[in-house]
């Protein structure tokens, strides 16, 4: 299975999750356009030095949230860690 690994810093990779037995595909939202959500069977969303409401100063947040919402709507399994869990909660409508 291909798993999207959403990483917010070049020096912060998947760590122990790299041994999950899946093909991890790293995406850095602040450097790249969002990938095709159809290409992944699951996703990890890792930490960042940001807050979920900082879309004005961190323009990469809006496209990342759209991708996460789309993955949620498709029923894609997601694991959010630290900032990633806040993004998942926001995308699911929990931080409104």
N, C-alpha and C. Protein backbone atom coordinates (compact mmCIF):
# COMPACT_ATOMS: atom_id res chain seq x y z
N UNK A 1 0.84 -1.17 0.00
CA UNK A 1 0.00 0.00 0.00
C UNK A 1 0.89 1.24 0.00
N UNK A 2 0.46 2.25 -0.74
CA UNK A 2 1.15 3.55 -0.73
C UNK A 2 0.54 4.41 0.36
N UNK A 3 1.42 4.98 1.18
CA UNK A 3 0.98 5.82 2.30
C UNK A 3 1.59 7.20 2.14
N UNK A 4 0.74 8.21 2.16
CA UNK A 4 1.20 9.59 2.10
C UNK A 4 1.76 9.99 3.45
N UNK A 5 2.95 10.54 3.44
CA UNK A 5 3.61 11.01 4.65
C UNK A 5 3.73 12.54 4.54
N UNK A 6 2.86 13.25 5.23
CA UNK A 6 2.84 14.71 5.16
C UNK A 6 3.84 15.24 6.19
N UNK A 7 4.92 15.82 5.68
CA UNK A 7 6.03 16.27 6.52
C UNK A 7 6.17 17.78 6.35
N UNK A 8 6.32 18.50 7.45
CA UNK A 8 6.37 19.96 7.39
C UNK A 8 7.76 20.54 7.53
N UNK A 9 8.76 19.69 7.69
CA UNK A 9 10.15 20.13 7.79
C UNK A 9 11.04 19.09 7.13
N UNK A 10 12.02 19.52 6.38
CA UNK A 10 12.92 18.57 5.70
C UNK A 10 13.66 17.68 6.69
N UNK A 11 13.93 18.17 7.88
CA UNK A 11 14.67 17.38 8.85
C UNK A 11 13.76 16.56 9.77
N UNK A 12 12.47 16.52 9.49
CA UNK A 12 11.52 15.75 10.29
C UNK A 12 10.81 14.76 9.38
N UNK A 13 11.33 13.57 9.32
CA UNK A 13 10.74 12.55 8.45
C UNK A 13 9.80 11.64 9.25
N UNK A 14 9.46 10.53 8.68
CA UNK A 14 8.47 9.62 9.27
C UNK A 14 8.96 8.89 10.51
N UNK A 15 10.25 8.89 10.77
CA UNK A 15 10.78 8.25 11.97
C UNK A 15 10.39 6.79 12.06
N UNK A 16 9.84 6.38 13.21
CA UNK A 16 9.49 4.97 13.42
C UNK A 16 8.40 4.50 12.47
N UNK A 17 7.64 5.42 11.91
CA UNK A 17 6.58 5.03 10.98
C UNK A 17 7.14 4.60 9.62
N UNK A 18 8.41 4.87 9.38
CA UNK A 18 9.03 4.45 8.12
C UNK A 18 9.08 2.93 8.02
N UNK A 19 8.99 2.24 9.14
CA UNK A 19 9.01 0.78 9.15
C UNK A 19 7.60 0.19 9.17
N UNK A 20 6.62 0.91 8.67
CA UNK A 20 5.23 0.48 8.72
C UNK A 20 4.91 -0.64 7.73
N UNK A 21 5.88 -1.02 6.90
CA UNK A 21 5.64 -2.08 5.93
C UNK A 21 4.88 -1.61 4.71
N UNK A 22 4.93 -0.35 4.43
CA UNK A 22 4.23 0.23 3.29
C UNK A 22 5.19 1.14 2.53
N UNK A 23 4.80 1.51 1.33
CA UNK A 23 5.58 2.47 0.55
C UNK A 23 5.19 3.87 0.99
N UNK A 24 6.10 4.55 1.69
CA UNK A 24 5.83 5.92 2.13
C UNK A 24 6.22 6.91 1.05
N UNK A 25 5.32 7.82 0.76
CA UNK A 25 5.57 8.88 -0.21
C UNK A 25 5.52 10.20 0.55
N UNK A 26 6.66 10.85 0.65
CA UNK A 26 6.77 12.09 1.43
C UNK A 26 6.25 13.29 0.63
N UNK A 27 5.47 14.13 1.31
CA UNK A 27 4.98 15.37 0.71
C UNK A 27 5.25 16.51 1.68
N UNK A 28 5.90 17.55 1.19
CA UNK A 28 6.15 18.76 1.97
C UNK A 28 5.21 19.85 1.45
N UNK A 29 4.12 20.14 2.16
CA UNK A 29 3.10 21.08 1.67
C UNK A 29 3.63 22.46 1.34
N UNK A 30 4.66 22.92 2.05
CA UNK A 30 5.18 24.26 1.81
C UNK A 30 6.10 24.31 0.59
N UNK A 31 6.39 23.16 -0.02
CA UNK A 31 7.28 23.12 -1.18
C UNK A 31 6.63 22.57 -2.44
N UNK A 32 5.54 21.83 -2.31
CA UNK A 32 4.96 21.13 -3.45
C UNK A 32 3.44 21.28 -3.49
N UNK A 33 2.90 21.09 -4.68
CA UNK A 33 1.44 21.06 -4.83
C UNK A 33 0.92 19.76 -4.20
N UNK A 34 -0.34 19.74 -3.77
CA UNK A 34 -0.88 18.51 -3.20
C UNK A 34 -0.88 17.35 -4.19
N UNK A 35 -0.62 16.16 -3.70
CA UNK A 35 -0.64 14.99 -4.58
C UNK A 35 -2.07 14.53 -4.85
N UNK A 36 -2.20 13.59 -5.76
CA UNK A 36 -3.50 13.01 -6.09
C UNK A 36 -3.95 12.11 -4.95
N UNK A 37 -5.07 12.40 -4.31
CA UNK A 37 -5.50 11.57 -3.17
C UNK A 37 -5.83 10.14 -3.57
N UNK A 38 -6.15 9.90 -4.83
CA UNK A 38 -6.45 8.54 -5.29
C UNK A 38 -5.23 7.63 -5.25
N UNK A 39 -4.04 8.21 -5.13
CA UNK A 39 -2.80 7.44 -5.19
C UNK A 39 -2.43 6.80 -3.85
N UNK A 40 -3.23 7.02 -2.79
CA UNK A 40 -2.83 6.58 -1.46
C UNK A 40 -3.93 5.80 -0.75
N UNK A 41 -3.50 4.79 -0.01
CA UNK A 41 -4.43 3.99 0.76
C UNK A 41 -4.53 4.44 2.21
N UNK A 42 -3.62 5.31 2.63
CA UNK A 42 -3.61 5.83 4.00
C UNK A 42 -2.69 7.05 4.03
N UNK A 43 -2.70 7.77 5.15
CA UNK A 43 -1.83 8.94 5.28
C UNK A 43 -1.44 9.19 6.73
N UNK A 44 -0.21 9.64 6.91
CA UNK A 44 0.29 10.17 8.17
C UNK A 44 0.41 11.68 7.99
N UNK A 45 -0.02 12.45 8.98
CA UNK A 45 0.15 13.90 8.95
C UNK A 45 0.93 14.27 10.21
N UNK A 46 2.14 14.77 10.03
CA UNK A 46 3.06 15.00 11.13
C UNK A 46 3.03 16.45 11.62
N UNK A 47 3.87 16.75 12.59
CA UNK A 47 3.90 18.04 13.26
C UNK A 47 4.49 19.17 12.44
N UNK A 48 4.30 20.38 12.95
CA UNK A 48 4.82 21.60 12.31
C UNK A 48 4.93 22.69 13.37
N UNK A 49 5.69 23.71 13.05
CA UNK A 49 5.76 24.87 13.95
C UNK A 49 4.74 25.91 13.50
N UNK A 50 3.50 25.49 13.44
CA UNK A 50 2.41 26.34 12.95
C UNK A 50 1.18 26.08 13.79
N UNK A 51 0.19 26.93 13.60
CA UNK A 51 -1.14 26.76 14.18
C UNK A 51 -2.12 26.59 13.03
N UNK A 52 -3.19 25.86 13.25
CA UNK A 52 -4.12 25.56 12.16
C UNK A 52 -4.87 26.79 11.63
N UNK A 53 -4.87 27.87 12.38
CA UNK A 53 -5.58 29.07 11.94
C UNK A 53 -4.66 30.11 11.29
N UNK A 54 -3.46 29.73 10.92
CA UNK A 54 -2.48 30.68 10.35
C UNK A 54 -2.44 30.67 8.82
N UNK A 55 -3.57 30.49 8.18
CA UNK A 55 -3.60 30.45 6.72
C UNK A 55 -3.12 31.75 6.08
N UNK A 56 -3.30 32.88 6.76
CA UNK A 56 -2.85 34.16 6.21
C UNK A 56 -1.33 34.23 6.09
N UNK A 57 -0.63 33.66 7.05
CA UNK A 57 0.83 33.73 7.04
C UNK A 57 1.49 32.45 6.52
N UNK A 58 0.71 31.40 6.37
CA UNK A 58 1.23 30.12 5.87
C UNK A 58 0.31 29.65 4.76
N UNK A 59 0.52 30.15 3.54
CA UNK A 59 -0.40 29.89 2.44
C UNK A 59 -0.51 28.42 2.04
N UNK A 60 0.41 27.59 2.45
CA UNK A 60 0.34 26.16 2.14
C UNK A 60 -0.72 25.44 2.97
N UNK A 61 -1.22 26.07 4.04
CA UNK A 61 -2.21 25.42 4.90
C UNK A 61 -3.55 25.16 4.20
N UNK A 62 -4.04 26.10 3.43
CA UNK A 62 -5.35 25.92 2.78
C UNK A 62 -5.36 24.71 1.85
N UNK A 63 -4.38 24.57 0.94
CA UNK A 63 -4.38 23.37 0.08
C UNK A 63 -4.20 22.08 0.88
N UNK A 64 -3.41 22.13 1.95
CA UNK A 64 -3.23 20.92 2.77
C UNK A 64 -4.55 20.53 3.43
N UNK A 65 -5.27 21.51 3.97
CA UNK A 65 -6.56 21.22 4.59
C UNK A 65 -7.55 20.66 3.59
N UNK A 66 -7.54 21.19 2.36
CA UNK A 66 -8.44 20.66 1.33
C UNK A 66 -8.13 19.20 1.05
N UNK A 67 -6.84 18.87 0.94
CA UNK A 67 -6.44 17.49 0.68
C UNK A 67 -6.87 16.59 1.84
N UNK A 68 -6.67 17.02 3.06
CA UNK A 68 -7.05 16.22 4.22
C UNK A 68 -8.56 16.01 4.25
N UNK A 69 -9.33 17.07 3.96
CA UNK A 69 -10.79 16.93 3.91
C UNK A 69 -11.20 15.91 2.85
N UNK A 70 -10.55 15.97 1.70
CA UNK A 70 -10.86 15.02 0.63
C UNK A 70 -10.53 13.59 1.05
N UNK A 71 -9.39 13.40 1.69
CA UNK A 71 -9.03 12.06 2.18
C UNK A 71 -10.05 11.57 3.20
N UNK A 72 -10.48 12.44 4.11
CA UNK A 72 -11.50 12.07 5.09
C UNK A 72 -12.81 11.67 4.41
N UNK A 73 -13.23 12.46 3.43
CA UNK A 73 -14.48 12.18 2.72
C UNK A 73 -14.42 10.84 1.98
N UNK A 74 -13.23 10.45 1.53
CA UNK A 74 -13.06 9.18 0.83
C UNK A 74 -12.96 8.00 1.78
N UNK A 75 -12.84 8.29 3.07
CA UNK A 75 -12.69 7.22 4.04
C UNK A 75 -11.27 6.68 4.15
N UNK A 76 -10.30 7.45 3.68
CA UNK A 76 -8.90 7.06 3.76
C UNK A 76 -8.44 7.06 5.22
N UNK A 77 -7.83 5.99 5.69
CA UNK A 77 -7.31 5.99 7.06
C UNK A 77 -6.22 7.06 7.22
N UNK A 78 -6.34 7.86 8.28
CA UNK A 78 -5.41 8.95 8.55
C UNK A 78 -4.94 8.88 10.00
N UNK A 79 -3.67 9.20 10.20
CA UNK A 79 -3.13 9.32 11.55
C UNK A 79 -2.46 10.69 11.64
N UNK A 80 -2.94 11.51 12.55
CA UNK A 80 -2.35 12.82 12.78
C UNK A 80 -1.55 12.83 14.06
N UNK A 81 -0.36 13.40 13.99
CA UNK A 81 0.52 13.46 15.16
C UNK A 81 0.82 14.93 15.45
N UNK A 82 0.53 15.35 16.66
CA UNK A 82 0.77 16.72 17.11
C UNK A 82 -0.03 17.69 16.23
N UNK A 83 0.66 18.57 15.50
CA UNK A 83 -0.02 19.50 14.59
C UNK A 83 -0.92 18.74 13.61
N UNK A 84 -0.48 17.56 13.19
CA UNK A 84 -1.27 16.75 12.27
C UNK A 84 -2.63 16.38 12.84
N UNK A 85 -2.69 16.10 14.14
CA UNK A 85 -3.99 15.78 14.75
C UNK A 85 -4.89 17.01 14.79
N UNK A 86 -4.29 18.18 14.99
CA UNK A 86 -5.07 19.42 14.96
C UNK A 86 -5.62 19.68 13.56
N UNK A 87 -4.81 19.40 12.54
CA UNK A 87 -5.28 19.56 11.16
C UNK A 87 -6.43 18.61 10.86
N UNK A 88 -6.32 17.36 11.31
CA UNK A 88 -7.40 16.40 11.09
C UNK A 88 -8.68 16.86 11.78
N UNK A 89 -8.56 17.34 13.00
CA UNK A 89 -9.74 17.82 13.73
C UNK A 89 -10.37 19.01 13.01
N UNK A 90 -9.54 19.92 12.53
CA UNK A 90 -10.05 21.09 11.81
C UNK A 90 -10.73 20.67 10.51
N UNK A 91 -10.10 19.78 9.76
CA UNK A 91 -10.65 19.34 8.48
C UNK A 91 -11.97 18.58 8.67
N UNK A 92 -12.11 17.93 9.83
CA UNK A 92 -13.33 17.19 10.13
C UNK A 92 -14.42 18.09 10.72
N UNK A 93 -14.12 19.38 10.89
CA UNK A 93 -15.12 20.32 11.40
C UNK A 93 -15.13 20.47 12.91
N UNK A 94 -14.11 19.95 13.57
CA UNK A 94 -14.10 19.96 15.03
C UNK A 94 -13.52 21.21 15.66
N UNK A 95 -12.89 22.09 14.88
CA UNK A 95 -12.27 23.28 15.47
C UNK A 95 -12.91 24.57 14.93
N UNK A 96 -14.14 24.53 14.60
CA UNK A 96 -14.79 25.62 13.94
C UNK A 96 -14.99 26.84 14.72
